Amino acid sequence: DYNNWRGVAFGATGWAPCGWKLSHLEWVVLRRVRSVGNHASGGWLDDVIRHVLIDDFAGLNNLRSGLSVEAVEGPLEITGAFLAGNSTGLNLFDSRSVTLRGSVVTDN
């Protein structure tokens, strides 16, 4: 929470900065993860993401997206997410086999 406070002072809020970034995950469950008030994207999954479940994720009040999903091969399932108060709730690009279920995306 509240990461990249130095970067925002110099205008570095896009592309790489984020609350957390994970890549090269296979057969992983992320449960009850939160990302709040980051001066960039809240969370970011990138490259070689296969058979991953994100359950009960909260991405709240981040300067950029609540959650970014890039170059994911899938399957990736996101359940019970709450994405609110970000510039973009879910930023999904260059990915396939992604499911969003039982989630709330509001006020982004």
PDB file of N, CA and C in Angstrom:
ATOM      1  N   ASP A   1       0.830  -1.184   0.000  1.00  0.00           N
ATOM      2  CA  ASP A   1       0.000   0.000   0.000  1.00  0.00           C
ATOM      3  C   ASP A   1       0.878   1.253   0.000  1.00  0.00           C
ATOM      4  N   TYR A   2       0.390   2.284  -0.674  1.00  0.00           N
ATOM      5  CA  TYR A   2       1.011   3.614  -0.711  1.00  0.00           C
ATOM      6  C   TYR A   2       2.443   3.597  -1.254  1.00  0.00           C
ATOM      7  N   ASN A   3       2.669   2.787  -2.288  1.00  0.00           N
ATOM      8  CA  ASN A   3       3.983   2.718  -2.927  1.00  0.00           C
ATOM      9  C   ASN A   3       4.152   3.812  -3.978  1.00  0.00           C
ATOM     10  N   ASN A   4       5.370   3.996  -4.418  1.00  0.00           N
ATOM     11  CA  ASN A   4       5.794   4.927  -5.460  1.00  0.00           C
ATOM     12  C   ASN A   4       5.610   6.391  -5.071  1.00  0.00           C
ATOM     13  N   TRP A   5       5.672   6.699  -3.818  1.00  0.00           N
ATOM     14  CA  TRP A   5       5.541   8.107  -3.414  1.00  0.00           C
ATOM     15  C   TRP A   5       6.749   8.918  -3.864  1.00  0.00           C
ATOM     16  N   ARG A   6       7.901   8.278  -4.033  1.00  0.00           N
ATOM     17  CA  ARG A   6       9.059   9.001  -4.579  1.00  0.00           C
ATOM     18  C   ARG A   6       8.901   9.218  -6.082  1.00  0.00           C
ATOM     19  N   GLY A   7       8.430   8.175  -6.767  1.00  0.00           N
ATOM     20  CA  GLY A   7       8.275   8.261  -8.222  1.00  0.00           C
ATOM     21  C   GLY A   7       7.298   9.331  -8.654  1.00  0.00           C
ATOM     22  N   VAL A   8       6.192   9.466  -7.926  1.00  0.00           N
ATOM     23  CA  VAL A   8       5.191  10.456  -8.305  1.00  0.00           C
ATOM     24  C   VAL A   8       5.760  11.878  -8.228  1.00  0.00           C
ATOM     25  N   ALA A   9       6.700  12.104  -7.345  1.00  0.00           N
ATOM     26  CA  ALA A   9       7.319  13.434  -7.213  1.00  0.00           C
ATOM     27  C   ALA A   9       8.074  13.823  -8.481  1.00  0.00           C
ATOM     28  N   PHE A  10       8.503  12.822  -9.258  1.00  0.00           N
ATOM     29  CA  PHE A  10       9.239  13.079 -10.496  1.00  0.00           C
ATOM     30  C   PHE A  10       8.434  12.722 -11.740  1.00  0.00           C
ATOM     31  N   GLY A  11       7.150  12.465 -11.576  1.00  0.00           N
ATOM     32  CA  GLY A  11       6.273  12.178 -12.702  1.00  0.00           C
ATOM     33  C   GLY A  11       6.352  10.743 -13.217  1.00  0.00           C
ATOM     34  N   ALA A  12       6.970   9.839 -12.492  1.00  0.00           N
ATOM     35  CA  ALA A  12       7.102   8.436 -12.915  1.00  0.00           C
ATOM     36  C   ALA A  12       5.955   7.623 -12.315  1.00  0.00           C
ATOM     37  N   THR A  13       4.816   7.607 -13.008  1.00  0.00           N
ATOM     38  CA  THR A  13       3.656   6.880 -12.499  1.00  0.00           C
ATOM     39  C   THR A  13       3.140   5.837 -13.477  1.00  0.00           C
ATOM     40  N   GLY A  14       3.611   5.838 -14.700  1.00  0.00           N
ATOM     41  CA  GLY A  14       3.125   4.905 -15.710  1.00  0.00           C
ATOM     42  C   GLY A  14       4.094   3.765 -15.934  1.00  0.00           C
ATOM     43  N   TRP A  15       3.739   2.899 -16.822  1.00  0.00           N
ATOM     44  CA  TRP A  15       4.496   1.739 -17.254  1.00  0.00           C
ATOM     45  C   TRP A  15       4.927   0.854 -16.093  1.00  0.00           C
ATOM     46  N   ALA A  16       6.125   0.926 -15.594  1.00  0.00           N
ATOM     47  CA  ALA A  16       6.624  -0.062 -14.626  1.00  0.00           C
ATOM     48  C   ALA A  16       6.201   0.164 -13.167  1.00  0.00           C
ATOM     49  N   PRO A  17       6.110   1.388 -12.650  1.00  0.00           N
ATOM     50  CA  PRO A  17       5.781   1.526 -11.228  1.00  0.00           C
ATOM     51  C   PRO A  17       4.405   0.959 -10.897  1.00  0.00           C
ATOM     52  N   CYS A  18       4.317   0.286  -9.769  1.00  0.00           N
ATOM     53  CA  CYS A  18       3.035  -0.243  -9.310  1.00  0.00           C
ATOM     54  C   CYS A  18       3.181  -0.691  -7.858  1.00  0.00           C
ATOM     55  N   GLY A  19       2.062  -1.000  -7.247  1.00  0.00           N
ATOM     56  CA  GLY A  19       2.101  -1.496  -5.878  1.00  0.00           C
ATOM     57  C   GLY A  19       2.820  -2.827  -5.785  1.00  0.00           C
ATOM     58  N   TRP A  20       2.501  -3.737  -6.712  1.00  0.00           N
ATOM     59  CA  TRP A  20       3.204  -5.022  -6.829  1.00  0.00           C
ATOM     60  C   TRP A  20       3.095  -5.501  -8.267  1.00  0.00           C
ATOM     61  N   LYS A  21       4.101  -6.206  -8.700  1.00  0.00           N
ATOM     62  CA  LYS A  21       4.111  -6.755 -10.054  1.00  0.00           C
ATOM     63  C   LYS A  21       4.635  -8.183  -9.999  1.00  0.00           C
ATOM     64  N   LEU A  22       3.898  -9.100 -10.604  1.00  0.00           N
ATOM     65  CA  LEU A  22       4.274 -10.505 -10.615  1.00  0.00           C
ATOM     66  C   LEU A  22       4.295 -11.026 -12.047  1.00  0.00           C
ATOM     67  N   SER A  23       5.276 -11.865 -12.336  1.00  0.00           N
ATOM     68  CA  SER A  23       5.327 -12.536 -13.630  1.00  0.00           C
ATOM     69  C   SER A  23       5.846 -13.950 -13.434  1.00  0.00           C
ATOM     70  N   HIS A  24       5.690 -14.748 -14.466  1.00  0.00           N
ATOM     71  CA  HIS A  24       6.147 -16.139 -14.459  1.00  0.00           C
ATOM     72  C   HIS A  24       5.526 -16.932 -13.307  1.00  0.00           C
ATOM     73  N   LEU A  25       4.204 -16.911 -13.249  1.00  0.00           N
ATOM     74  CA  LEU A  25       3.468 -17.666 -12.236  1.00  0.00           C
ATOM     75  C   LEU A  25       2.713 -18.801 -12.913  1.00  0.00           C
ATOM     76  N   GLU A  26       2.798 -19.982 -12.345  1.00  0.00           N
ATOM     77  CA  GLU A  26       2.016 -21.118 -12.817  1.00  0.00           C
ATOM     78  C   GLU A  26       1.459 -21.866 -11.622  1.00  0.00           C
ATOM     79  N   TRP A  27       0.179 -22.212 -11.705  1.00  0.00           N
ATOM     80  CA  TRP A  27      -0.500 -22.964 -10.654  1.00  0.00           C
ATOM     81  C   TRP A  27      -0.382 -22.262  -9.293  1.00  0.00           C
ATOM     82  N   VAL A  28      -0.835 -21.010  -9.257  1.00  0.00           N
ATOM     83  CA  VAL A  28      -0.728 -20.182  -8.050  1.00  0.00           C
ATOM     84  C   VAL A  28      -2.110 -19.642  -7.680  1.00  0.00           C
ATOM     85  N   VAL A  29      -2.378 -19.565  -6.379  1.00  0.00           N
ATOM     86  CA  VAL A  29      -3.575 -18.912  -5.859  1.00  0.00           C
ATOM     87  C   VAL A  29      -3.126 -17.709  -5.036  1.00  0.00           C
ATOM     88  N   LEU A  30      -3.652 -16.538  -5.375  1.00  0.00           N
ATOM     89  CA  LEU A  30      -3.436 -15.314  -4.584  1.00  0.00           C
ATOM     90  C   LEU A  30      -4.766 -15.013  -3.902  1.00  0.00           C
ATOM     91  N   ARG A  31      -4.784 -15.021  -2.598  1.00  0.00           N
ATOM     92  CA  ARG A  31      -6.038 -14.862  -1.860  1.00  0.00           C
ATOM     93  C   ARG A  31      -5.911 -13.727  -0.850  1.00  0.00           C
ATOM     94  N   ARG A  32      -6.973 -12.907  -0.793  1.00  0.00           N
ATOM     95  CA  ARG A  32      -7.065 -11.784   0.154  1.00  0.00           C
ATOM     96  C   ARG A  32      -5.885 -10.818   0.004  1.00  0.00           C
ATOM     97  N   VAL A  33      -5.645 -10.418  -1.231  1.00  0.00           N
ATOM     98  CA  VAL A  33      -4.597  -9.441  -1.530  1.00  0.00           C
ATOM     99  C   VAL A  33      -5.255  -8.076  -1.657  1.00  0.00           C
ATOM    100  N   ARG A  34      -4.579  -7.057  -1.169  1.00  0.00           N
ATOM    101  CA  ARG A  34      -5.103  -5.698  -1.328  1.00  0.00           C
ATOM    102  C   ARG A  34      -3.990  -4.789  -1.827  1.00  0.00           C
ATOM    103  N   SER A  35      -4.411  -3.776  -2.530  1.00  0.00           N
ATOM    104  CA  SER A  35      -3.475  -2.789  -3.051  1.00  0.00           C
ATOM    105  C   SER A  35      -4.173  -1.440  -2.987  1.00  0.00           C
ATOM    106  N   VAL A  36      -3.738  -0.607  -2.053  1.00  0.00           N
ATOM    107  CA  VAL A  36      -4.470   0.616  -1.738  1.00  0.00           C
ATOM    108  C   VAL A  36      -3.556   1.837  -1.814  1.00  0.00           C
ATOM    109  N   GLY A  37      -4.050   2.888  -2.477  1.00  0.00           N
ATOM    110  CA  GLY A  37      -3.411   4.194  -2.434  1.00  0.00           C
ATOM    111  C   GLY A  37      -2.029   4.289  -3.061  1.00  0.00           C
ATOM    112  N   ASN A  38      -1.731   3.423  -4.017  1.00  0.00           N
ATOM    113  CA  ASN A  38      -0.422   3.495  -4.679  1.00  0.00           C
ATOM    114  C   ASN A  38      -0.407   4.634  -5.688  1.00  0.00           C
ATOM    115  N   HIS A  39       0.712   5.277  -5.837  1.00  0.00           N
ATOM    116  CA  HIS A  39       0.867   6.372  -6.791  1.00  0.00           C
ATOM    117  C   HIS A  39       1.280   5.804  -8.141  1.00  0.00           C
ATOM    118  N   ALA A  40       0.541   4.816  -8.579  1.00  0.00           N
ATOM    119  CA  ALA A  40       0.754   4.094  -9.840  1.00  0.00           C
ATOM    120  C   ALA A  40      -0.370   3.063  -9.909  1.00  0.00           C
ATOM    121  N   SER A  41      -0.194   1.999 -10.681  1.00  0.00           N
ATOM    122  CA  SER A  41      -1.161   0.904 -10.683  1.00  0.00           C
ATOM    123  C   SER A  41      -1.094   0.152  -9.361  1.00  0.00           C
ATOM    124  N   GLY A  42      -2.217  -0.420  -8.964  1.00  0.00           N
ATOM    125  CA  GLY A  42      -2.243  -1.172  -7.718  1.00  0.00           C
ATOM    126  C   GLY A  42      -1.478  -2.481  -7.827  1.00  0.00           C
ATOM    127  N   GLY A  43      -1.910  -3.347  -8.733  1.00  0.00           N
ATOM    128  CA  GLY A  43      -1.244  -4.618  -8.966  1.00  0.00           C
ATOM    129  C   GLY A  43      -1.083  -4.854 -10.453  1.00  0.00           C
ATOM    130  N   TRP A  44      -0.121  -5.700 -10.814  1.00  0.00           N
ATOM    131  CA  TRP A  44       0.170  -5.932 -12.222  1.00  0.00           C
ATOM    132  C   TRP A  44       0.633  -7.366 -12.405  1.00  0.00           C
ATOM    133  N   LEU A  45      -0.078  -8.108 -13.257  1.00  0.00           N
ATOM    134  CA  LEU A  45       0.335  -9.447 -13.672  1.00  0.00           C
ATOM    135  C   LEU A  45       0.828  -9.345 -15.103  1.00  0.00           C
ATOM    136  N   ASP A  46       2.015  -9.879 -15.372  1.00  0.00           N
ATOM    137  CA  ASP A  46       2.627  -9.680 -16.680  1.00  0.00           C
ATOM    138  C   ASP A  46       3.440 -10.911 -17.085  1.00  0.00           C
ATOM    139  N   ASP A  47       3.147 -11.454 -18.244  1.00  0.00           N
ATOM    140  CA  ASP A  47       4.002 -12.432 -18.908  1.00  0.00           C
ATOM    141  C   ASP A  47       4.052 -13.784 -18.185  1.00  0.00           C
ATOM    142  N   VAL A  48       3.735 -14.814 -18.884  1.00  0.00           N
ATOM    143  CA  VAL A  48       3.764 -16.201 -18.406  1.00  0.00           C
ATOM    144  C   VAL A  48       2.946 -16.366 -17.123  1.00  0.00           C
ATOM    145  N   ILE A  49       1.686 -16.082 -17.225  1.00  0.00           N
ATOM    146  CA  ILE A  49       0.743 -16.301 -16.139  1.00  0.00           C
ATOM    147  C   ILE A  49      -0.189 -17.419 -16.602  1.00  0.00           C
ATOM    148  N   ARG A  50      -0.093 -18.580 -15.953  1.00  0.00           N
ATOM    149  CA  ARG A  50      -0.889 -19.742 -16.356  1.00  0.00           C
ATOM    150  C   ARG A  50      -1.494 -20.399 -15.118  1.00  0.00           C
ATOM    151  N   HIS A  51      -2.777 -20.731 -15.222  1.00  0.00           N
ATOM    152  CA  HIS A  51      -3.464 -21.449 -14.148  1.00  0.00           C
ATOM    153  C   HIS A  51      -3.333 -20.692 -12.821  1.00  0.00           C
ATOM    154  N   VAL A  52      -3.756 -19.434 -12.843  1.00  0.00           N
ATOM    155  CA  VAL A  52      -3.670 -18.573 -11.663  1.00  0.00           C
ATOM    156  C   VAL A  52      -5.083 -18.145 -11.259  1.00  0.00           C
ATOM    157  N   LEU A  53      -5.341 -18.181  -9.971  1.00  0.00           N
ATOM    158  CA  LEU A  53      -6.594 -17.710  -9.394  1.00  0.00           C
ATOM    159  C   LEU A  53      -6.282 -16.551  -8.462  1.00  0.00           C
ATOM    160  N   ILE A  54      -6.976 -15.428  -8.665  1.00  0.00           N
ATOM    161  CA  ILE A  54      -6.925 -14.309  -7.719  1.00  0.00           C
ATOM    162  C   ILE A  54      -8.291 -14.251  -7.059  1.00  0.00           C
ATOM    163  N   ASP A  55      -8.335 -14.470  -5.761  1.00  0.00           N
ATOM    164  CA  ASP A  55      -9.589 -14.527  -5.025  1.00  0.00           C
ATOM    165  C   ASP A  55      -9.585 -13.468  -3.923  1.00  0.00           C
ATOM    166  N   ASP A  56     -10.624 -12.641  -3.910  1.00  0.00           N
ATOM    167  CA  ASP A  56     -10.789 -11.621  -2.871  1.00  0.00           C
ATOM    168  C   ASP A  56      -9.682 -10.563  -2.951  1.00  0.00           C
ATOM    169  N   PHE A  57      -9.579  -9.928  -4.107  1.00  0.00           N
ATOM    170  CA  PHE A  57      -8.593  -8.858  -4.324  1.00  0.00           C
ATOM    171  C   PHE A  57      -9.274  -7.502  -4.182  1.00  0.00           C
ATOM    172  N   ALA A  58      -8.632  -6.573  -3.476  1.00  0.00           N
ATOM    173  CA  ALA A  58      -9.120  -5.201  -3.363  1.00  0.00           C
ATOM    174  C   ALA A  58      -8.083  -4.260  -3.951  1.00  0.00           C
ATOM    175  N   GLY A  59      -8.442  -3.563  -5.020  1.00  0.00           N
ATOM    176  CA  GLY A  59      -7.609  -2.520  -5.615  1.00  0.00           C
ATOM    177  C   GLY A  59      -8.334  -1.201  -5.458  1.00  0.00           C
ATOM    178  N   LEU A  60      -7.897  -0.381  -4.513  1.00  0.00           N
ATOM    179  CA  LEU A  60      -8.648   0.807  -4.126  1.00  0.00           C
ATOM    180  C   LEU A  60      -7.792   2.069  -4.167  1.00  0.00           C
ATOM    181  N   ASN A  61      -8.344   3.104  -4.787  1.00  0.00           N
ATOM    182  CA  ASN A  61      -7.765   4.447  -4.758  1.00  0.00           C
ATOM    183  C   ASN A  61      -6.308   4.505  -5.221  1.00  0.00           C
ATOM    184  N   ASN A  62      -6.007   3.777  -6.294  1.00  0.00           N
ATOM    185  CA  ASN A  62      -4.678   3.835  -6.898  1.00  0.00           C
ATOM    186  C   ASN A  62      -4.679   4.882  -8.014  1.00  0.00           C
ATOM    187  N   LEU A  63      -3.560   5.518  -8.228  1.00  0.00           N
ATOM    188  CA  LEU A  63      -3.471   6.586  -9.219  1.00  0.00           C
ATOM    189  C   LEU A  63      -3.764   6.079 -10.630  1.00  0.00           C
ATOM    190  N   ARG A  64      -3.302   4.890 -10.958  1.00  0.00           N
ATOM    191  CA  ARG A  64      -3.571   4.274 -12.265  1.00  0.00           C
ATOM    192  C   ARG A  64      -4.621   3.180 -12.076  1.00  0.00           C
ATOM    193  N   SER A  65      -4.445   2.033 -12.677  1.00  0.00           N
ATOM    194  CA  SER A  65      -5.447   0.967 -12.598  1.00  0.00           C
ATOM    195  C   SER A  65      -5.433   0.278 -11.230  1.00  0.00           C
ATOM    196  N   GLY A  66      -6.563  -0.291 -10.885  1.00  0.00           N
ATOM    197  CA  GLY A  66      -6.613  -1.124  -9.693  1.00  0.00           C
ATOM    198  C   GLY A  66      -5.823  -2.407  -9.918  1.00  0.00           C
ATOM    199  N   LEU A  67      -5.987  -2.987 -11.137  1.00  0.00           N
ATOM    200  CA  LEU A  67      -5.269  -4.198 -11.508  1.00  0.00           C
ATOM    201  C   LEU A  67      -4.997  -4.162 -13.002  1.00  0.00           C
ATOM    202  N   SER A  68      -3.743  -4.390 -13.382  1.00  0.00           N
ATOM    203  CA  SER A  68      -3.354  -4.494 -14.791  1.00  0.00           C
ATOM    204  C   SER A  68      -2.993  -5.938 -15.095  1.00  0.00           C
ATOM    205  N   VAL A  69      -3.463  -6.406 -16.239  1.00  0.00           N
ATOM    206  CA  VAL A  69      -3.197  -7.768 -16.696  1.00  0.00           C
ATOM    207  C   VAL A  69      -2.636  -7.652 -18.104  1.00  0.00           C
ATOM    208  N   GLU A  70      -1.368  -8.032 -18.271  1.00  0.00           N
ATOM    209  CA  GLU A  70      -0.686  -7.839 -19.555  1.00  0.00           C
ATOM    210  C   GLU A  70      -0.016  -9.137 -19.999  1.00  0.00           C
ATOM    211  N   ALA A  71      -0.204  -9.476 -21.265  1.00  0.00           N
ATOM    212  CA  ALA A  71       0.470 -10.610 -21.899  1.00  0.00           C
ATOM    213  C   ALA A  71       0.275 -11.907 -21.113  1.00  0.00           C
ATOM    214  N   VAL A  72      -0.934 -12.115 -20.630  1.00  0.00           N
ATOM    215  CA  VAL A  72      -1.264 -13.312 -19.851  1.00  0.00           C
ATOM    216  C   VAL A  72      -1.766 -14.393 -20.798  1.00  0.00           C
ATOM    217  N   GLU A  73      -1.207 -15.570 -20.672  1.00  0.00           N
ATOM    218  CA  GLU A  73      -1.618 -16.700 -21.497  1.00  0.00           C
ATOM    219  C   GLU A  73      -2.857 -17.375 -20.937  1.00  0.00           C
ATOM    220  N   GLY A  74      -3.015 -17.341 -19.622  1.00  0.00           N
ATOM    221  CA  GLY A  74      -4.162 -17.927 -18.968  1.00  0.00           C
ATOM    222  C   GLY A  74      -4.054 -19.432 -18.844  1.00  0.00           C
ATOM    223  N   PRO A  75      -5.047 -20.014 -18.240  1.00  0.00           N
ATOM    224  CA  PRO A  75      -6.192 -19.299 -17.708  1.00  0.00           C
ATOM    225  C   PRO A  75      -5.862 -18.509 -16.436  1.00  0.00           C
ATOM    226  N   LEU A  76      -6.522 -17.358 -16.331  1.00  0.00           N
ATOM    227  CA  LEU A  76      -6.468 -16.507 -15.148  1.00  0.00           C
ATOM    228  C   LEU A  76      -7.908 -16.259 -14.734  1.00  0.00           C
ATOM    229  N   GLU A  77      -8.228 -16.559 -13.485  1.00  0.00           N
ATOM    230  CA  GLU A  77      -9.561 -16.304 -12.968  1.00  0.00           C
ATOM    231  C   GLU A  77      -9.461 -15.320 -11.811  1.00  0.00           C
ATOM    232  N   ILE A  78     -10.278 -14.272 -11.880  1.00  0.00           N
ATOM    233  CA  ILE A  78     -10.326 -13.250 -10.834  1.00  0.00           C
ATOM    234  C   ILE A  78     -11.733 -13.316 -10.248  1.00  0.00           C
ATOM    235  N   THR A  79     -11.839 -13.658  -8.971  1.00  0.00           N
ATOM    236  CA  THR A  79     -13.144 -13.775  -8.323  1.00  0.00           C
ATOM    237  C   THR A  79     -13.181 -12.902  -7.072  1.00  0.00           C
ATOM    238  N   GLY A  80     -14.338 -12.326  -6.830  1.00  0.00           N
ATOM    239  CA  GLY A  80     -14.531 -11.544  -5.608  1.00  0.00           C
ATOM    240  C   GLY A  80     -13.666 -10.307  -5.514  1.00  0.00           C
ATOM    241  N   ALA A  81     -13.331  -9.723  -6.648  1.00  0.00           N
ATOM    242  CA  ALA A  81     -12.505  -8.500  -6.632  1.00  0.00           C
ATOM    243  C   ALA A  81     -13.385  -7.278  -6.380  1.00  0.00           C
ATOM    244  N   PHE A  82     -12.800  -6.279  -5.759  1.00  0.00           N
ATOM    245  CA  PHE A  82     -13.441  -4.981  -5.574  1.00  0.00           C
ATOM    246  C   PHE A  82     -12.451  -3.935  -6.062  1.00  0.00           C
ATOM    247  N   LEU A  83     -12.767  -3.315  -7.205  1.00  0.00           N
ATOM    248  CA  LEU A  83     -11.888  -2.325  -7.830  1.00  0.00           C
ATOM    249  C   LEU A  83     -12.627  -0.993  -7.862  1.00  0.00           C
ATOM    250  N   ALA A  84     -12.181  -0.040  -7.039  1.00  0.00           N
ATOM    251  CA  ALA A  84     -12.892   1.231  -6.915  1.00  0.00           C
ATOM    252  C   ALA A  84     -11.931   2.375  -6.653  1.00  0.00           C
ATOM    253  N   GLY A  85     -12.279   3.552  -7.201  1.00  0.00           N
ATOM    254  CA  GLY A  85     -11.530   4.764  -6.922  1.00  0.00           C
ATOM    255  C   GLY A  85     -10.196   4.868  -7.639  1.00  0.00           C
ATOM    256  N   ASN A  86      -9.970   4.044  -8.649  1.00  0.00           N
ATOM    257  CA  ASN A  86      -8.738   4.089  -9.439  1.00  0.00           C
ATOM    258  C   ASN A  86      -8.999   4.875 -10.722  1.00  0.00           C
ATOM    259  N   SER A  87      -7.960   5.214 -11.474  1.00  0.00           N
ATOM    260  CA  SER A  87      -8.222   5.865 -12.761  1.00  0.00           C
ATOM    261  C   SER A  87      -8.885   4.878 -13.727  1.00  0.00           C
ATOM    262  N   THR A  88      -8.498   3.601 -13.656  1.00  0.00           N
ATOM    263  CA  THR A  88      -9.097   2.511 -14.423  1.00  0.00           C
ATOM    264  C   THR A  88      -9.254   1.336 -13.468  1.00  0.00           C
ATOM    265  N   GLY A  89     -10.374   0.680 -13.498  1.00  0.00           N
ATOM    266  CA  GLY A  89     -10.570  -0.462 -12.609  1.00  0.00           C
ATOM    267  C   GLY A  89      -9.695  -1.637 -12.992  1.00  0.00           C
ATOM    268  N   LEU A  90      -9.950  -2.199 -14.191  1.00  0.00           N
ATOM    269  CA  LEU A  90      -9.191  -3.335 -14.689  1.00  0.00           C
ATOM    270  C   LEU A  90      -8.608  -2.962 -16.037  1.00  0.00           C
ATOM    271  N   ASN A  91      -7.294  -2.995 -16.139  1.00  0.00           N
ATOM    272  CA  ASN A  91      -6.597  -2.706 -17.389  1.00  0.00           C
ATOM    273  C   ASN A  91      -6.147  -4.052 -17.957  1.00  0.00           C
ATOM    274  N   LEU A  92      -6.824  -4.508 -18.991  1.00  0.00           N
ATOM    275  CA  LEU A  92      -6.593  -5.832 -19.547  1.00  0.00           C
ATOM    276  C   LEU A  92      -6.135  -5.676 -20.984  1.00  0.00           C
ATOM    277  N   PHE A  93      -4.901  -6.139 -21.286  1.00  0.00           N
ATOM    278  CA  PHE A  93      -4.413  -6.005 -22.652  1.00  0.00           C
ATOM    279  C   PHE A  93      -3.470  -7.131 -23.032  1.00  0.00           C
ATOM    280  N   ASP A  94      -3.505  -7.476 -24.323  1.00  0.00           N
ATOM    281  CA  ASP A  94      -2.666  -8.534 -24.900  1.00  0.00           C
ATOM    282  C   ASP A  94      -2.742  -9.826 -24.092  1.00  0.00           C
ATOM    283  N   SER A  95      -3.940 -10.191 -23.658  1.00  0.00           N
ATOM    284  CA  SER A  95      -4.118 -11.374 -22.819  1.00  0.00           C
ATOM    285  C   SER A  95      -5.266 -12.222 -23.352  1.00  0.00           C
ATOM    286  N   ARG A  96      -5.272 -13.482 -22.939  1.00  0.00           N
ATOM    287  CA  ARG A  96      -6.368 -14.364 -23.338  1.00  0.00           C
ATOM    288  C   ARG A  96      -6.716 -15.286 -22.161  1.00  0.00           C
ATOM    289  N   SER A  97      -7.907 -15.840 -22.251  1.00  0.00           N
ATOM    290  CA  SER A  97      -8.392 -16.786 -21.248  1.00  0.00           C
ATOM    291  C   SER A  97      -8.394 -16.183 -19.845  1.00  0.00           C
ATOM    292  N   VAL A  98      -8.998 -14.977 -19.736  1.00  0.00           N
ATOM    293  CA  VAL A  98      -9.121 -14.284 -18.454  1.00  0.00           C
ATOM    294  C   VAL A  98     -10.611 -14.210 -18.110  1.00  0.00           C
ATOM    295  N   THR A  99     -10.950 -14.594 -16.887  1.00  0.00           N
ATOM    296  CA  THR A  99     -12.334 -14.570 -16.415  1.00  0.00           C
ATOM    297  C   THR A  99     -12.431 -13.685 -15.185  1.00  0.00           C
ATOM    298  N   LEU A 100     -13.410 -12.777 -15.193  1.00  0.00           N
ATOM    299  CA  LEU A 100     -13.722 -11.935 -14.034  1.00  0.00           C
ATOM    300  C   LEU A 100     -15.108 -12.354 -13.565  1.00  0.00           C
ATOM    301  N   ARG A 101     -15.216 -12.794 -12.321  1.00  0.00           N
ATOM    302  CA  ARG A 101     -16.469 -13.354 -11.826  1.00  0.00           C
ATOM    303  C   ARG A 101     -16.754 -12.848 -10.418  1.00  0.00           C
ATOM    304  N   GLY A 102     -18.027 -12.522 -10.161  1.00  0.00           N
ATOM    305  CA  GLY A 102     -18.446 -12.154  -8.812  1.00  0.00           C
ATOM    306  C   GLY A 102     -17.697 -10.968  -8.245  1.00  0.00           C
ATOM    307  N   SER A 103     -17.443  -9.987  -9.092  1.00  0.00           N
ATOM    308  CA  SER A 103     -16.597  -8.839  -8.712  1.00  0.00           C
ATOM    309  C   SER A 103     -17.340  -7.539  -8.896  1.00  0.00           C
ATOM    310  N   VAL A 104     -16.836  -6.488  -8.266  1.00  0.00           N
ATOM    311  CA  VAL A 104     -17.407  -5.146  -8.397  1.00  0.00           C
ATOM    312  C   VAL A 104     -16.333  -4.224  -8.944  1.00  0.00           C
ATOM    313  N   VAL A 105     -16.672  -3.545 -10.041  1.00  0.00           N
ATOM    314  CA  VAL A 105     -15.789  -2.535 -10.628  1.00  0.00           C
ATOM    315  C   VAL A 105     -16.624  -1.257 -10.687  1.00  0.00           C
ATOM    316  N   THR A 106     -16.248  -0.271  -9.857  1.00  0.00           N
ATOM    317  CA  THR A 106     -17.091   0.925  -9.731  1.00  0.00           C
ATOM    318  C   THR A 106     -16.254   2.159  -9.441  1.00  0.00           C
ATOM    319  N   ASP A 107     -16.778   3.314  -9.844  1.00  0.00           N
ATOM    320  CA  ASP A 107     -16.209   4.612  -9.495  1.00  0.00           C
ATOM    321  C   ASP A 107     -14.723   4.723  -9.866  1.00  0.00           C
ATOM    322  N   ASN A 108     -14.402   4.278 -11.080  1.00  0.00           N
ATOM    323  CA  ASN A 108     -13.032   4.392 -11.587  1.00  0.00           C
ATOM    324  C   ASN A 108     -13.000   5.450 -12.671  1.00  0.00           C
TER     325      ASN A 108
END
